All heavy atoms as atom14 arrays in JSON, in Angstrom:
{
  "sequence": "LAQAEADGSKLADLLVKQVTGSVRWRESVMY",
  "atom14_mask": [
    [1, 1, 1, 1, 1, 1, 1, 1, 0, 0, 0, 0, 0, 0],
    [1, 1, 1, 1, 1, 0, 0, 0, 0, 0, 0, 0, 0, 0],
    [1, 1, 1, 1, 1, 1, 1, 1, 1, 0, 0, 0, 0, 0],
    [1, 1, 1, 1, 1, 0, 0, 0, 0, 0, 0, 0, 0, 0],
    [1, 1, 1, 1, 1, 1, 1, 1, 1, 0, 0, 0, 0, 0],
    [1, 1, 1, 1, 1, 0, 0, 0, 0, 0, 0, 0, 0, 0],
    [1, 1, 1, 1, 1, 1, 1, 1, 0, 0, 0, 0, 0, 0],
    [1, 1, 1, 1, 0, 0, 0, 0, 0, 0, 0, 0, 0, 0],
    [1, 1, 1, 1, 1, 1, 0, 0, 0, 0, 0, 0, 0, 0],
    [1, 1, 1, 1, 1, 1, 1, 1, 1, 0, 0, 0, 0, 0],
    [1, 1, 1, 1, 1, 1, 1, 1, 0, 0, 0, 0, 0, 0],
    [1, 1, 1, 1, 1, 0, 0, 0, 0, 0, 0, 0, 0, 0],
    [1, 1, 1, 1, 1, 1, 1, 1, 0, 0, 0, 0, 0, 0],
    [1, 1, 1, 1, 1, 1, 1, 1, 0, 0, 0, 0, 0, 0],
    [1, 1, 1, 1, 1, 1, 1, 1, 0, 0, 0, 0, 0, 0],
    [1, 1, 1, 1, 1, 1, 1, 0, 0, 0, 0, 0, 0, 0],
    [1, 1, 1, 1, 1, 1, 1, 1, 1, 0, 0, 0, 0, 0],
    [1, 1, 1, 1, 1, 1, 1, 1, 1, 0, 0, 0, 0, 0],
    [1, 1, 1, 1, 1, 1, 1, 0, 0, 0, 0, 0, 0, 0],
    [1, 1, 1, 1, 1, 1, 1, 0, 0, 0, 0, 0, 0, 0],
    [1, 1, 1, 1, 0, 0, 0, 0, 0, 0, 0, 0, 0, 0],
    [1, 1, 1, 1, 1, 1, 0, 0, 0, 0, 0, 0, 0, 0],
    [1, 1, 1, 1, 1, 1, 1, 0, 0, 0, 0, 0, 0, 0],
    [1, 1, 1, 1, 1, 1, 1, 1, 1, 1, 1, 0, 0, 0],
    [1, 1, 1, 1, 1, 1, 1, 1, 1, 1, 1, 1, 1, 1],
    [1, 1, 1, 1, 1, 1, 1, 1, 1, 1, 1, 0, 0, 0],
    [1, 1, 1, 1, 1, 1, 1, 1, 1, 0, 0, 0, 0, 0],
    [1, 1, 1, 1, 1, 1, 0, 0, 0, 0, 0, 0, 0, 0],
    [1, 1, 1, 1, 1, 1, 1, 0, 0, 0, 0, 0, 0, 0],
    [1, 1, 1, 1, 1, 1, 1, 1, 0, 0, 0, 0, 0, 0],
    [1, 1, 1, 1, 1, 1, 1, 1, 1, 1, 1, 1, 0, 0]
  ],
  "atom14_positions": [
    [[-43.04, 374.8, -219.3], [-42.55, 373.68, -220.11], [-43.59, 372.61, -220.35], [-43.58, 371.94, -221.38], [-41.34, 373.01, -219.42], [-40.04, 373.77, -219.29], [-39.01, 372.89, -218.57], [-39.51, 374.17, -220.66], [0.0, 0.0, 0.0], [0.0, 0.0, 0.0], [0.0, 0.0, 0.0], [0.0, 0.0, 0.0], [0.0, 0.0, 0.0], [0.0, 0.0, 0.0]],
    [[-44.48, 372.42, -219.37], [-45.42, 371.3, -219.36], [-44.67, 369.98, -219.42], [-45.13, 369.0, -220.01], [-46.45, 371.41, -220.49], [0.0, 0.0, 0.0], [0.0, 0.0, 0.0], [0.0, 0.0, 0.0], [0.0, 0.0, 0.0], [0.0, 0.0, 0.0], [0.0, 0.0, 0.0], [0.0, 0.0, 0.0], [0.0, 0.0, 0.0], [0.0, 0.0, 0.0]],
    [[-43.51, 369.95, -218.8], [-42.76, 368.72, -218.62], [-41.85, 368.86, -217.41], [-41.72, 369.94, -216.85], [-41.95, 368.37, -219.87], [-40.87, 369.35, -220.24], [-40.23, 369.01, -221.58], [-40.89, 368.7, -222.55], [-38.91, 369.09, -221.62], [0.0, 0.0, 0.0], [0.0, 0.0, 0.0], [0.0, 0.0, 0.0], [0.0, 0.0, 0.0], [0.0, 0.0, 0.0]],
    [[-41.26, 367.75, -217.0], [-40.53, 367.72, -215.74], [-39.15, 368.37, -215.87], [-38.48, 368.25, -216.91], [-40.38, 366.29, -215.25], [0.0, 0.0, 0.0], [0.0, 0.0, 0.0], [0.0, 0.0, 0.0], [0.0, 0.0, 0.0], [0.0, 0.0, 0.0], [0.0, 0.0, 0.0], [0.0, 0.0, 0.0], [0.0, 0.0, 0.0], [0.0, 0.0, 0.0]],
    [[-38.75, 369.03, -214.8], [-37.4, 369.59, -214.69], [-36.88, 369.27, -213.3], [-37.55, 369.52, -212.31], [-37.41, 371.1, -214.91], [-36.03, 371.74, -214.85], [-35.06, 371.11, -215.82], [-35.22, 371.29, -217.04], [-34.13, 370.41, -215.34], [0.0, 0.0, 0.0], [0.0, 0.0, 0.0], [0.0, 0.0, 0.0], [0.0, 0.0, 0.0], [0.0, 0.0, 0.0]],
    [[-35.69, 368.69, -213.23], [-35.1, 368.34, -211.93], [-33.74, 368.99, -211.73], [-33.06, 368.72, -210.74], [-34.97, 366.82, -211.81], [0.0, 0.0, 0.0], [0.0, 0.0, 0.0], [0.0, 0.0, 0.0], [0.0, 0.0, 0.0], [0.0, 0.0, 0.0], [0.0, 0.0, 0.0], [0.0, 0.0, 0.0], [0.0, 0.0, 0.0], [0.0, 0.0, 0.0]],
    [[-33.35, 369.88, -212.64], [-32.06, 370.57, -212.55], [-32.27, 371.89, -211.82], [-32.88, 372.82, -212.34], [-31.51, 370.8, -213.95], [-30.12, 371.42, -213.96], [-29.72, 372.0, -212.92], [-29.43, 371.34, -214.99], [0.0, 0.0, 0.0], [0.0, 0.0, 0.0], [0.0, 0.0, 0.0], [0.0, 0.0, 0.0], [0.0, 0.0, 0.0], [0.0, 0.0, 0.0]],
    [[-31.76, 371.96, -210.59], [-31.95, 373.16, -209.77], [-31.45, 374.42, -210.45], [-32.02, 375.5, -210.25], [0.0, 0.0, 0.0], [0.0, 0.0, 0.0], [0.0, 0.0, 0.0], [0.0, 0.0, 0.0], [0.0, 0.0, 0.0], [0.0, 0.0, 0.0], [0.0, 0.0, 0.0], [0.0, 0.0, 0.0], [0.0, 0.0, 0.0], [0.0, 0.0, 0.0]],
    [[-30.4, 374.3, -211.28], [-29.83, 375.49, -211.92], [-30.76, 376.09, -212.97], [-30.6, 377.24, -213.36], [-28.48, 375.13, -212.56], [-28.66, 374.24, -213.64], [0.0, 0.0, 0.0], [0.0, 0.0, 0.0], [0.0, 0.0, 0.0], [0.0, 0.0, 0.0], [0.0, 0.0, 0.0], [0.0, 0.0, 0.0], [0.0, 0.0, 0.0], [0.0, 0.0, 0.0]],
    [[-31.73, 375.32, -213.45], [-32.65, 375.81, -214.48], [-33.97, 376.32, -213.91], [-34.74, 376.98, -214.61], [-32.93, 374.7, -215.49], [-31.71, 374.24, -216.27], [-32.06, 373.11, -217.23], [-30.83, 372.65, -218.0], [-31.14, 371.49, -218.88], [0.0, 0.0, 0.0], [0.0, 0.0, 0.0], [0.0, 0.0, 0.0], [0.0, 0.0, 0.0], [0.0, 0.0, 0.0]],
    [[-34.24, 376.0, -212.65], [-35.56, 376.28, -212.1], [-35.82, 377.78, -211.92], [-36.95, 378.24, -212.14], [-35.74, 375.54, -210.77], [-35.83, 374.01, -210.9], [-35.72, 373.35, -209.54], [-37.12, 373.61, -211.59], [0.0, 0.0, 0.0], [0.0, 0.0, 0.0], [0.0, 0.0, 0.0], [0.0, 0.0, 0.0], [0.0, 0.0, 0.0], [0.0, 0.0, 0.0]],
    [[-34.8, 378.54, -211.54], [-35.0, 379.98, -211.36], [-35.44, 380.64, -212.66], [-36.36, 381.46, -212.69], [-33.74, 380.64, -210.82], [0.0, 0.0, 0.0], [0.0, 0.0, 0.0], [0.0, 0.0, 0.0], [0.0, 0.0, 0.0], [0.0, 0.0, 0.0], [0.0, 0.0, 0.0], [0.0, 0.0, 0.0], [0.0, 0.0, 0.0], [0.0, 0.0, 0.0]],
    [[-34.79, 380.27, -213.77], [-35.14, 380.84, -215.07], [-36.58, 380.51, -215.45], [-37.31, 381.35, -215.99], [-34.18, 380.33, -216.14], [-34.43, 380.95, -217.5], [-34.51, 382.19, -217.58], [-34.57, 380.2, -218.49], [0.0, 0.0, 0.0], [0.0, 0.0, 0.0], [0.0, 0.0, 0.0], [0.0, 0.0, 0.0], [0.0, 0.0, 0.0], [0.0, 0.0, 0.0]],
    [[-37.0, 379.28, -215.13], [-38.39, 378.89, -215.43], [-39.39, 379.7, -214.6], [-40.47, 380.05, -215.09], [-38.57, 377.4, -215.18], [-37.77, 376.47, -216.11], [-37.91, 375.02, -215.66], [-38.24, 376.62, -217.55], [0.0, 0.0, 0.0], [0.0, 0.0, 0.0], [0.0, 0.0, 0.0], [0.0, 0.0, 0.0], [0.0, 0.0, 0.0], [0.0, 0.0, 0.0]],
    [[-39.03, 380.0, -213.36], [-39.91, 380.81, -212.51], [-40.02, 382.24, -213.02], [-41.07, 382.87, -212.91], [-39.42, 380.79, -211.06], [-39.57, 379.45, -210.33], [-38.88, 379.52, -208.97], [-41.04, 379.06, -210.17], [0.0, 0.0, 0.0], [0.0, 0.0, 0.0], [0.0, 0.0, 0.0], [0.0, 0.0, 0.0], [0.0, 0.0, 0.0], [0.0, 0.0, 0.0]],
    [[-38.94, 382.77, -213.57], [-38.98, 384.11, -214.16], [-39.88, 384.11, -215.4], [-40.75, 384.98, -215.57], [-37.57, 384.61, -214.51], [-37.64, 385.94, -215.28], [-36.74, 384.78, -213.24], [0.0, 0.0, 0.0], [0.0, 0.0, 0.0], [0.0, 0.0, 0.0], [0.0, 0.0, 0.0], [0.0, 0.0, 0.0], [0.0, 0.0, 0.0], [0.0, 0.0, 0.0]],
    [[-39.68, 383.11, -216.27], [-40.48, 383.03, -217.5], [-41.96, 382.83, -217.2], [-42.83, 383.26, -217.96], [-39.96, 381.89, -218.37], [-38.61, 382.16, -219.0], [-38.12, 380.97, -219.81], [-36.79, 381.31, -220.49], [-36.22, 380.12, -221.18], [0.0, 0.0, 0.0], [0.0, 0.0, 0.0], [0.0, 0.0, 0.0], [0.0, 0.0, 0.0], [0.0, 0.0, 0.0]],
    [[-42.25, 382.19, -216.07], [-43.63, 381.89, -215.69], [-44.45, 383.17, -215.47], [-45.66, 383.17, -215.68], [-43.61, 381.05, -214.41], [-44.93, 380.45, -214.0], [-45.09, 380.48, -212.5], [-45.07, 381.54, -211.88], [-45.27, 379.32, -211.9], [0.0, 0.0, 0.0], [0.0, 0.0, 0.0], [0.0, 0.0, 0.0], [0.0, 0.0, 0.0], [0.0, 0.0, 0.0]],
    [[-43.81, 384.27, -215.08], [-44.54, 385.5, -214.75], [-45.26, 386.05, -215.98], [-46.4, 386.52, -215.9], [-43.6, 386.56, -214.15], [-44.35, 387.86, -213.87], [-42.95, 386.04, -212.87], [0.0, 0.0, 0.0], [0.0, 0.0, 0.0], [0.0, 0.0, 0.0], [0.0, 0.0, 0.0], [0.0, 0.0, 0.0], [0.0, 0.0, 0.0], [0.0, 0.0, 0.0]],
    [[-44.61, 385.98, -217.14], [-45.22, 386.5, -218.37], [-45.72, 385.38, -219.28], [-46.42, 385.65, -220.26], [-44.2, 387.34, -219.17], [-43.03, 386.55, -219.42], [-43.8, 388.59, -218.41], [0.0, 0.0, 0.0], [0.0, 0.0, 0.0], [0.0, 0.0, 0.0], [0.0, 0.0, 0.0], [0.0, 0.0, 0.0], [0.0, 0.0, 0.0], [0.0, 0.0, 0.0]],
    [[-45.37, 384.14, -218.99], [-45.72, 383.02, -219.86], [-47.05, 382.39, -219.51], [-47.62, 382.62, -218.44], [0.0, 0.0, 0.0], [0.0, 0.0, 0.0], [0.0, 0.0, 0.0], [0.0, 0.0, 0.0], [0.0, 0.0, 0.0], [0.0, 0.0, 0.0], [0.0, 0.0, 0.0], [0.0, 0.0, 0.0], [0.0, 0.0, 0.0], [0.0, 0.0, 0.0]],
    [[-47.55, 381.57, -220.43], [-48.81, 380.87, -220.2], [-48.63, 379.75, -219.17], [-47.6, 379.09, -219.15], [-49.31, 380.24, -221.5], [-49.59, 381.22, -222.47], [0.0, 0.0, 0.0], [0.0, 0.0, 0.0], [0.0, 0.0, 0.0], [0.0, 0.0, 0.0], [0.0, 0.0, 0.0], [0.0, 0.0, 0.0], [0.0, 0.0, 0.0], [0.0, 0.0, 0.0]],
    [[-49.64, 379.56, -218.34], [-49.69, 378.42, -217.42], [-50.25, 377.23, -218.22], [-51.44, 377.17, -218.51], [-50.58, 378.71, -216.2], [-50.7, 377.48, -215.31], [-50.02, 379.88, -215.41], [0.0, 0.0, 0.0], [0.0, 0.0, 0.0], [0.0, 0.0, 0.0], [0.0, 0.0, 0.0], [0.0, 0.0, 0.0], [0.0, 0.0, 0.0], [0.0, 0.0, 0.0]],
    [[-49.36, 376.3, -218.57], [-49.76, 375.18, -219.45], [-50.24, 374.0, -218.6], [-49.66, 372.92, -218.6], [-48.58, 374.81, -220.35], [-48.17, 375.94, -221.28], [-46.84, 375.7, -221.96], [-46.86, 374.53, -222.84], [-45.79, 374.08, -223.5], [-44.63, 374.71, -223.37], [-45.88, 373.01, -224.26], [0.0, 0.0, 0.0], [0.0, 0.0, 0.0], [0.0, 0.0, 0.0]],
    [[-51.32, 374.25, -217.86], [-51.78, 373.24, -216.9], [-52.35, 372.0, -217.58], [-52.05, 370.87, -217.19], [-52.79, 373.85, -215.94], [-53.17, 372.91, -214.84], [-54.36, 372.25, -214.69], [-52.33, 372.46, -213.78], [-54.31, 371.44, -213.59], [-53.07, 371.56, -213.01], [-51.02, 372.76, -213.4], [-52.55, 370.93, -211.88], [-50.49, 372.14, -212.27], [-51.25, 371.25, -211.53]],
    [[-53.17, 372.19, -218.6], [-53.75, 371.04, -219.3], [-52.65, 370.13, -219.84], [-52.68, 368.91, -219.65], [-54.65, 371.54, -220.46], [-55.23, 370.42, -221.32], [-56.06, 371.01, -222.47], [-55.25, 371.88, -223.32], [-54.5, 371.46, -224.33], [-54.44, 370.17, -224.64], [-53.8, 372.33, -225.05], [0.0, 0.0, 0.0], [0.0, 0.0, 0.0], [0.0, 0.0, 0.0]],
    [[-51.65, 370.73, -220.48], [-50.55, 369.93, -221.02], [-49.72, 369.28, -219.91], [-49.2, 368.17, -220.08], [-49.64, 370.81, -221.88], [-50.26, 371.3, -223.18], [-49.31, 372.25, -223.89], [-49.37, 373.47, -223.61], [-48.51, 371.77, -224.7], [0.0, 0.0, 0.0], [0.0, 0.0, 0.0], [0.0, 0.0, 0.0], [0.0, 0.0, 0.0], [0.0, 0.0, 0.0]],
    [[-49.59, 369.99, -218.78], [-48.82, 369.43, -217.66], [-49.48, 368.17, -217.13], [-48.81, 367.16, -216.85], [-48.68, 370.46, -216.54], [-47.94, 371.59, -216.97], [0.0, 0.0, 0.0], [0.0, 0.0, 0.0], [0.0, 0.0, 0.0], [0.0, 0.0, 0.0], [0.0, 0.0, 0.0], [0.0, 0.0, 0.0], [0.0, 0.0, 0.0], [0.0, 0.0, 0.0]],
    [[-50.81, 368.21, -216.99], [-51.54, 367.02, -216.52], [-51.45, 365.9, -217.54], [-51.23, 364.73, -217.2], [-53.0, 367.39, -216.21], [-53.82, 366.14, -215.88], [-53.06, 368.38, -215.05], [0.0, 0.0, 0.0], [0.0, 0.0, 0.0], [0.0, 0.0, 0.0], [0.0, 0.0, 0.0], [0.0, 0.0, 0.0], [0.0, 0.0, 0.0], [0.0, 0.0, 0.0]],
    [[-51.57, 366.25, -218.82], [-51.45, 365.24, -219.88], [-50.06, 364.61, -219.87], [-49.91, 363.4, -220.07], [-51.76, 365.87, -221.23], [-53.22, 366.24, -221.43], [-53.52, 367.21, -222.93], [-53.0, 366.05, -224.19], [0.0, 0.0, 0.0], [0.0, 0.0, 0.0], [0.0, 0.0, 0.0], [0.0, 0.0, 0.0], [0.0, 0.0, 0.0], [0.0, 0.0, 0.0]],
    [[-49.05, 365.41, -219.63], [-47.68, 364.9, -219.55], [-47.55, 363.89, -218.41], [-47.01, 362.79, -218.6], [-46.69, 366.06, -219.34], [-45.3, 365.62, -218.95], [-44.38, 365.23, -219.92], [-44.91, 365.59, -217.61], [-43.11, 364.8, -219.56], [-43.64, 365.18, -217.25], [-42.75, 364.79, -218.23], [-41.49, 364.36, -217.85], [0.0, 0.0, 0.0], [0.0, 0.0, 0.0]]
  ]
}
């Protein structure tokens, strides 16, 4: 996402997407 998430119910889905998705580290730091 390159943005904050605090909803526990959404975090598992983000971890699954992370396996095939880009690591948006530059954008995360900018955020």
